Amino acid sequence: MSLAFKKETFRDDYTYQNSPKAIKRFPFPFAEDTYMYSVNIEPHTKGPVGAVTEFAFDIDEHYVAECEDKAKTLALDAGRYQALPHMAEAQWDFLELTMESLSNDYPDLFSLKKDGLLWTWENKPLGIKNTFTFGDSTSFDMDPMEYMGRQVQGDFVLLDQRNGTLYADAGFITSQADWSLAFDVGMAWHEWHGPVPQVTKLGVMDRALKFLMALQLGAPVRRLNWTMTINPRLDTSPENYPLWGGDRNKVTIDNVGELVHLRVELQSLFRLPRSNAILFSIRCYLINMNELSTSARWAKRFHRVLKSLHPDLVEYKGLTKFKDLTVQWLSKKDDGAEVALGTHP
């Protein structure tokens, strides 16, 4: 697979942008003109060629820049990676899954050679090559989850299954949408998801937990989630709120197209073989309103979704300060005609 990696930034001068190809494959999350929080889980099977769901872990034109941004975030706050001691086996499960997936799906970019427990991993885009003993904690100068978390786009949480629920007992989180790993690590399922509005009333989290507790090895699942952010910033963590929170006050009707971004998460869950833990993969995609509006269908649909969004969700997703301006801006793209079904441009 041939990819041209872009030189860009997700902070400070914000030079991130999507090529026409990246816009076309963006995972637009709305199949209807309204939105309410739901489980919306489907099998994580091989998607169409070129789609973000084609492979288990998506690698795109932003790969090198995102990995560089991960390293910057970790250098400023090493606590973005945390793992409780009993998750050691699950970390090696994570390393194996990511190495095998990337080397099988992107053989021009990654390779993995095995000689018993002696493995050689090569990451050509990042210039990394290591020979190590699988399962040996002294193989790297960091934990295996951190080692591979730095080399795969997105965030990762390892969920331990015990006592009839799931616990977020390890995580590599550098691009979270306004939540804190330091606060959530070790929490049970309902504690972790407690702040999400409407879900208790609708029983969404109870159903999701029951479903995931029965997740089978070799049968991963996925869903799309979304929020919005100002500027193409990956790290919108509570710890760094002073660096990005004030940007919400900078939106005007004249700069909505450039500053306001739809932020979509492709969330995938995999049962792991040795530890029986579940890997929760959270891959973030960003697109500003100018780029989104190159699809008339997307612009119309997103206008209608935002206009009708439940007030609790507006507040929970942090959209209050710029939602109305974005609706006003998008209204110019919506001629009132019916939006054709489907989620692609």
Protein backbone atom coordinates (compact mmCIF):
# COMPACT_ATOMS: atom_id res chain seq x y z
CA MET A 1 0.00 0.00 0.00
CA SER A 2 1.41 3.40 -0.97
CA LEU A 3 0.73 6.37 1.29
CA ALA A 4 2.07 9.91 1.12
CA PHE A 5 2.45 11.05 4.72
CA LYS A 6 1.84 14.73 5.36
CA LYS A 7 3.97 17.12 7.36
CA GLU A 8 1.45 18.83 9.62
CA THR A 9 0.68 19.79 13.21
CA PHE A 10 -2.26 19.31 15.58
CA ARG A 11 -1.33 22.18 17.92
CA ASP A 12 0.15 25.68 17.90
CA ASP A 13 0.02 26.70 14.21
CA TYR A 14 -2.49 23.93 13.26
CA THR A 15 -1.36 23.06 9.75
CA TYR A 16 -3.50 19.89 9.64
CA GLN A 17 -5.80 19.49 6.67
CA ASN A 18 -7.45 16.66 4.75
CA SER A 19 -6.66 15.86 1.14
CA PRO A 20 -9.62 15.26 -1.20
CA LYS A 21 -9.00 11.52 -0.79
CA ALA A 22 -9.11 11.83 3.02
CA ILE A 23 -12.36 13.81 2.83
CA LYS A 24 -13.94 11.18 0.60
CA ARG A 25 -13.11 8.37 3.07
CA PHE A 26 -14.05 10.37 6.20
CA PRO A 27 -16.38 8.30 8.43
CA PHE A 28 -19.40 10.60 8.41
CA PRO A 29 -21.47 9.21 11.30
CA PHE A 30 -25.06 10.21 10.55
CA ALA A 31 -27.48 8.01 8.63
CA GLU A 32 -30.49 10.13 9.63
CA ASP A 33 -31.34 13.81 10.12
CA THR A 34 -31.59 13.41 13.90
CA TYR A 35 -29.28 11.94 16.54
CA MET A 36 -29.72 10.29 19.90
CA TYR A 37 -27.08 8.36 21.83
CA SER A 38 -27.24 4.63 21.09
CA VAL A 39 -25.08 1.50 21.17
CA ASN A 40 -24.99 1.26 17.32
CA ILE A 41 -22.55 -1.67 17.35
CA GLU A 42 -21.77 -3.73 14.26
CA PRO A 43 -19.22 -6.47 13.47
CA HIS A 44 -15.73 -5.09 12.80
CA THR A 45 -15.39 -7.01 9.56
CA LYS A 46 -13.34 -5.98 6.54
CA GLY A 47 -14.87 -2.92 4.94
CA PRO A 48 -14.69 -1.66 1.34
CA VAL A 49 -11.29 -1.06 -0.25
CA GLY A 50 -10.02 2.35 0.81
CA ALA A 51 -12.56 2.79 3.61
CA VAL A 52 -11.46 3.50 7.19
CA THR A 53 -12.92 0.09 8.07
CA GLU A 54 -10.95 -1.84 5.44
CA PHE A 55 -8.49 -3.09 8.07
CA ALA A 56 -8.51 -3.68 11.83
CA PHE A 57 -6.43 -0.52 12.42
CA ASP A 58 -6.55 2.30 9.89
CA ILE A 59 -3.33 3.95 8.74
CA ASP A 60 -3.75 7.10 6.64
CA GLU A 61 -1.94 10.19 5.38
CA HIS A 62 -1.83 11.68 8.91
CA TYR A 63 0.02 8.69 10.42
CA VAL A 64 3.49 10.18 10.93
CA ALA A 65 2.16 13.54 12.14
CA GLU A 66 -0.20 11.85 14.62
CA CYS A 67 2.60 9.69 16.01
CA GLU A 68 4.75 12.79 16.42
CA ASP A 69 1.88 14.49 18.25
CA LYS A 70 1.54 11.46 20.54
CA ALA A 71 5.22 11.75 21.45
CA LYS A 72 4.84 15.46 22.24
CA THR A 73 1.85 14.81 24.48
CA LEU A 74 3.64 12.03 26.36
CA ALA A 75 6.75 14.18 26.79
CA LEU A 76 4.59 16.82 28.48
CA ASP A 77 2.55 14.33 30.53
CA ALA A 78 3.82 10.78 30.97
CA GLY A 79 0.57 9.96 32.81
CA ARG A 80 -1.25 9.64 29.48
CA TYR A 81 -0.06 6.04 29.58
CA GLN A 82 -1.06 4.06 32.67
CA ALA A 83 -1.40 0.35 33.38
CA LEU A 84 -2.26 -1.49 36.57
CA PRO A 85 0.17 -4.34 37.39
CA HIS A 86 -2.25 -7.19 36.63
CA MET A 87 -2.59 -6.05 33.00
CA ALA A 88 0.88 -7.22 31.92
CA GLU A 89 -0.41 -10.19 29.93
CA ALA A 90 -3.04 -8.03 28.23
CA GLN A 91 -0.30 -5.63 27.15
CA TRP A 92 1.48 -8.40 25.26
CA ASP A 93 -1.88 -9.36 23.71
CA PHE A 94 -2.17 -5.75 22.53
CA LEU A 95 1.33 -5.75 21.09
CA GLU A 96 0.72 -8.99 19.21
CA LEU A 97 -2.62 -7.87 17.78
CA THR A 98 -1.32 -4.51 16.55
CA MET A 99 1.95 -5.86 15.14
CA GLU A 100 0.28 -8.73 13.30
CA SER A 101 -2.54 -6.54 11.98
CA LEU A 102 -0.26 -3.77 10.69
CA SER A 103 2.29 -6.13 9.12
CA ASN A 104 -0.42 -8.19 7.41
CA ASP A 105 -2.50 -5.23 6.19
CA TYR A 106 0.29 -2.78 5.31
CA PRO A 107 3.26 -4.98 4.30
CA ASP A 108 5.00 -2.09 2.52
CA LEU A 109 5.09 -0.11 5.76
CA PHE A 110 5.47 -2.67 8.55
CA SER A 111 6.99 -6.13 8.93
CA LEU A 112 6.99 -8.75 11.68
CA LYS A 113 9.24 -11.82 11.60
CA LYS A 114 8.95 -14.56 14.22
CA ASP A 115 11.52 -17.15 15.25
CA GLY A 116 9.76 -18.82 18.16
CA LEU A 117 9.55 -16.14 20.84
CA LEU A 118 12.26 -14.08 19.16
CA TRP A 119 10.45 -11.46 17.09
CA THR A 120 11.75 -8.69 14.81
CA TRP A 121 9.49 -5.70 14.23
CA GLU A 122 10.10 -2.98 11.65
CA ASN A 123 8.16 0.24 11.28
CA LYS A 124 9.45 1.91 8.12
CA PRO A 125 7.56 5.25 8.33
CA LEU A 126 8.92 5.93 11.84
CA GLY A 127 12.33 4.36 11.28
CA ILE A 128 11.95 1.78 14.07
CA LYS A 129 13.43 -1.73 14.02
CA ASN A 130 13.69 -3.98 17.09
CA THR A 131 14.39 -7.63 17.81
CA PHE A 132 12.90 -8.74 21.12
CA THR A 133 11.67 -11.72 23.09
CA PHE A 134 7.90 -11.89 23.19
CA GLY A 135 6.67 -11.84 26.79
CA ASP A 136 9.97 -10.60 28.24
CA SER A 137 9.37 -7.40 30.20
CA THR A 138 13.00 -6.34 29.69
CA SER A 139 12.68 -6.35 25.90
CA PHE A 140 11.97 -2.61 25.66
CA ASP A 141 12.75 0.45 27.75
CA MET A 142 8.99 0.93 28.14
CA ASP A 143 5.92 -1.28 28.57
CA PRO A 144 4.72 -3.15 25.45
CA MET A 145 1.45 -1.21 25.39
CA GLU A 146 3.27 2.12 25.38
CA TYR A 147 5.74 0.83 22.76
CA MET A 148 2.99 0.00 20.27
CA GLY A 149 0.59 2.71 21.44
CA ARG A 150 3.12 5.20 20.10
CA GLN A 151 3.04 3.50 16.69
CA VAL A 152 -0.68 3.10 15.97
CA GLN A 153 -3.06 5.98 15.29
CA GLY A 154 -5.69 6.49 17.97
CA ASP A 155 -6.10 5.83 21.69
CA PHE A 156 -6.35 2.49 23.47
CA VAL A 157 -7.92 1.19 26.67
CA LEU A 158 -7.53 -2.34 28.04
CA LEU A 159 -10.67 -3.53 29.83
CA ASP A 160 -10.34 -6.28 32.43
CA GLN A 161 -13.42 -8.48 32.86
CA ARG A 162 -14.21 -9.51 36.45
CA ASN A 163 -16.96 -9.25 39.08
CA GLY A 164 -19.64 -9.15 36.40
CA THR A 165 -18.39 -5.96 34.76
CA LEU A 166 -15.49 -4.36 32.86
CA TYR A 167 -12.74 -2.22 34.37
CA ALA A 168 -10.59 0.34 32.52
CA ASP A 169 -7.31 -0.91 33.98
CA ALA A 170 -4.79 0.27 31.37
CA GLY A 171 -4.76 3.00 28.76
CA PHE A 172 -2.71 4.93 26.22
CA ILE A 173 -4.64 8.16 25.75
CA THR A 174 -3.26 11.20 23.92
CA SER A 175 -6.23 12.34 21.79
CA GLN A 176 -9.20 12.08 24.11
CA ALA A 177 -12.34 14.18 23.74
CA ASP A 178 -12.45 15.95 27.13
CA TRP A 179 -11.97 13.00 29.51
CA SER A 180 -9.09 12.00 31.74
CA LEU A 181 -7.30 8.65 31.88
CA ALA A 182 -5.72 9.65 35.19
CA PHE A 183 -9.22 10.04 36.64
CA ASP A 184 -10.83 7.01 34.96
CA VAL A 185 -8.13 4.34 35.27
CA GLY A 186 -9.35 1.47 37.45
CA MET A 187 -13.01 2.49 37.15
CA ALA A 188 -15.80 0.01 36.47
CA TRP A 189 -17.98 0.31 33.35
CA HIS A 190 -20.85 2.29 34.87
CA GLU A 191 -18.49 4.61 36.77
CA TRP A 192 -16.57 5.38 33.58
CA HIS A 193 -19.72 6.13 31.58
CA GLY A 194 -21.65 7.83 34.36
CA PRO A 195 -21.45 11.38 32.94
CA VAL A 196 -23.06 10.48 29.59
CA PRO A 197 -26.57 12.01 29.58
CA GLN A 198 -29.74 10.08 28.65
CA VAL A 199 -27.99 6.69 28.74
CA THR A 200 -29.21 5.66 32.18
CA LYS A 201 -32.77 6.55 31.25
CA LEU A 202 -32.51 4.65 27.99
CA GLY A 203 -30.62 1.68 29.44
CA VAL A 204 -27.96 2.01 26.72
CA MET A 205 -24.96 1.25 28.93
CA ASP A 206 -26.59 -1.78 30.52
CA ARG A 207 -27.22 -3.29 27.09
CA ALA A 208 -23.73 -2.40 25.87
CA LEU A 209 -22.10 -4.01 28.90
CA LYS A 210 -24.12 -7.20 28.51
CA PHE A 211 -23.15 -7.37 24.84
CA LEU A 212 -19.44 -6.77 25.44
CA MET A 213 -19.20 -9.25 28.31
CA ALA A 214 -20.15 -11.90 25.74
CA LEU A 215 -17.69 -10.63 23.09
CA GLN A 216 -15.94 -13.57 21.45
CA LEU A 217 -12.32 -14.00 20.36
CA GLY A 218 -12.02 -13.39 16.63
CA ALA A 219 -15.31 -11.46 16.42
CA PRO A 220 -14.44 -7.79 17.06
CA VAL A 221 -17.09 -5.09 16.85
CA ARG A 222 -17.13 -1.37 16.08
CA ARG A 223 -19.22 1.76 16.36
CA LEU A 224 -18.95 5.45 15.50
CA ASN A 225 -19.14 8.21 18.08
CA TRP A 226 -18.82 11.94 17.51
CA THR A 227 -18.37 15.35 19.05
CA MET A 228 -16.99 18.70 17.85
CA THR A 229 -13.84 20.64 18.56
CA ILE A 230 -12.33 24.00 17.70
CA ASN A 231 -9.16 23.77 15.62
CA PRO A 232 -7.78 20.37 14.55
CA ARG A 233 -6.46 19.55 18.02
CA LEU A 234 -6.15 15.90 19.04
CA ASP A 235 -5.33 16.51 22.70
CA THR A 236 -8.50 18.03 24.16
CA SER A 237 -7.89 16.64 27.65
CA PRO A 238 -9.16 18.21 30.89
CA GLU A 239 -5.55 18.43 32.05
CA ASN A 240 -4.76 20.81 29.19
CA TYR A 241 -8.07 22.68 29.15
CA PRO A 242 -6.33 26.08 29.53
CA LEU A 243 -4.60 25.45 26.20
CA TRP A 244 -7.76 24.78 24.19
CA GLY A 245 -10.89 25.65 26.17
CA GLY A 246 -10.74 29.35 25.33
CA ASP A 247 -10.78 28.60 21.61
CA ARG A 248 -14.52 28.03 21.90
CA ASN A 249 -14.89 31.78 22.43
CA LYS A 250 -13.08 32.60 19.16
CA VAL A 251 -15.76 31.28 16.80
CA THR A 252 -17.57 33.84 14.65
CA ILE A 253 -19.90 33.42 11.71
CA ASP A 254 -16.94 34.32 9.47
CA ASN A 255 -14.55 31.63 10.72
CA VAL A 256 -16.89 28.69 11.40
CA GLY A 257 -15.77 26.96 8.22
CA GLU A 258 -12.11 26.96 9.22
CA LEU A 259 -12.23 26.62 13.03
CA VAL A 260 -15.16 24.30 13.77
CA HIS A 261 -14.39 20.60 13.31
CA LEU A 262 -16.53 17.51 13.40
CA ARG A 263 -14.61 14.96 15.46
CA VAL A 264 -15.53 11.33 14.77
CA GLU A 265 -14.27 8.34 16.70
CA LEU A 266 -14.14 4.89 15.14
CA GLN A 267 -14.39 2.76 18.27
CA SER A 268 -13.41 -0.91 17.92
CA LEU A 269 -13.40 -3.67 20.53
CA PHE A 270 -11.39 -6.89 20.37
CA ARG A 271 -11.40 -9.86 22.77
CA LEU A 272 -7.76 -10.74 23.53
CA PRO A 273 -6.59 -14.38 23.57
CA ARG A 274 -4.37 -14.89 26.64
CA SER A 275 -5.66 -12.37 29.15
CA ASN A 276 -9.35 -12.49 28.12
CA ALA A 277 -9.26 -8.69 28.37
CA ILE A 278 -10.96 -6.45 25.80
CA LEU A 279 -9.05 -3.89 23.76
CA PHE A 280 -11.03 -0.68 23.24
CA SER A 281 -9.52 1.19 20.28
CA ILE A 282 -10.55 4.83 19.76
CA ARG A 283 -9.44 6.26 16.42
CA CYS A 284 -10.10 10.00 15.96
CA TYR A 285 -10.83 11.67 12.61
CA LEU A 286 -11.14 15.45 12.18
CA ILE A 287 -12.79 17.49 9.43
CA ASN A 288 -13.60 21.20 9.41
CA MET A 289 -16.86 22.64 8.13
CA ASN A 290 -15.31 23.87 4.86
CA GLU A 291 -14.05 20.37 4.09
CA LEU A 292 -17.28 18.70 5.22
CA SER A 293 -19.31 21.05 3.04
CA THR A 294 -17.62 19.82 -0.11
CA SER A 295 -20.32 17.17 0.22
CA ALA A 296 -23.72 18.84 -0.06
CA ARG A 297 -25.37 15.79 1.45
CA TRP A 298 -23.16 15.87 4.55
CA ALA A 299 -23.63 19.61 5.04
CA LYS A 300 -27.42 19.34 4.86
CA ARG A 301 -27.59 16.35 7.17
CA PHE A 302 -25.20 17.77 9.77
CA HIS A 303 -27.18 21.03 9.79
CA ARG A 304 -30.36 19.12 10.62
CA VAL A 305 -28.65 16.94 13.24
CA LEU A 306 -27.18 19.95 15.07
CA LYS A 307 -30.37 21.98 14.83
CA SER A 308 -32.39 19.20 16.49
CA LEU A 309 -29.77 17.94 18.98
CA HIS A 310 -31.08 17.34 22.52
CA PRO A 311 -29.96 20.13 24.91
CA ASP A 312 -28.41 17.59 27.29
CA LEU A 313 -26.18 16.32 24.49
CA VAL A 314 -25.27 19.86 23.42
CA GLU A 315 -24.04 20.53 26.95
CA TYR A 316 -22.34 17.15 27.40
CA LYS A 317 -20.43 17.44 24.12
CA GLY A 318 -19.34 21.00 24.98
CA LEU A 319 -21.03 22.61 21.98
CA THR A 320 -22.98 25.36 23.76
CA LYS A 321 -20.74 28.29 22.83
CA PHE A 322 -20.54 27.63 19.10
CA LYS A 323 -23.44 25.32 18.20
CA ASP A 324 -25.85 28.08 17.14
CA LEU A 325 -23.23 29.82 15.00
CA THR A 326 -22.44 26.52 13.29
CA VAL A 327 -26.13 25.84 12.67
CA GLN A 328 -26.46 29.33 11.18
CA TRP A 329 -23.40 28.77 8.96
CA LEU A 330 -24.60 25.35 7.79
CA SER A 331 -28.12 26.65 7.10
CA LYS A 332 -26.73 28.35 4.01
CA LYS A 333 -25.81 24.89 2.71
CA ASP A 334 -29.27 23.40 3.32
CA ASP A 335 -31.84 24.22 0.66
CA GLY A 336 -34.53 22.15 2.37
CA ALA A 337 -34.46 19.40 -0.23
CA GLU A 338 -34.62 15.82 0.97
CA VAL A 339 -31.25 14.30 1.84
CA ALA A 340 -30.60 11.02 0.07
CA LEU A 341 -30.00 8.01 2.30
CA GLY A 342 -26.44 6.89 2.94
CA THR A 343 -23.35 8.27 4.64
CA HIS A 344 -20.95 8.78 1.74
CA PRO A 345 -20.53 11.91 -0.42
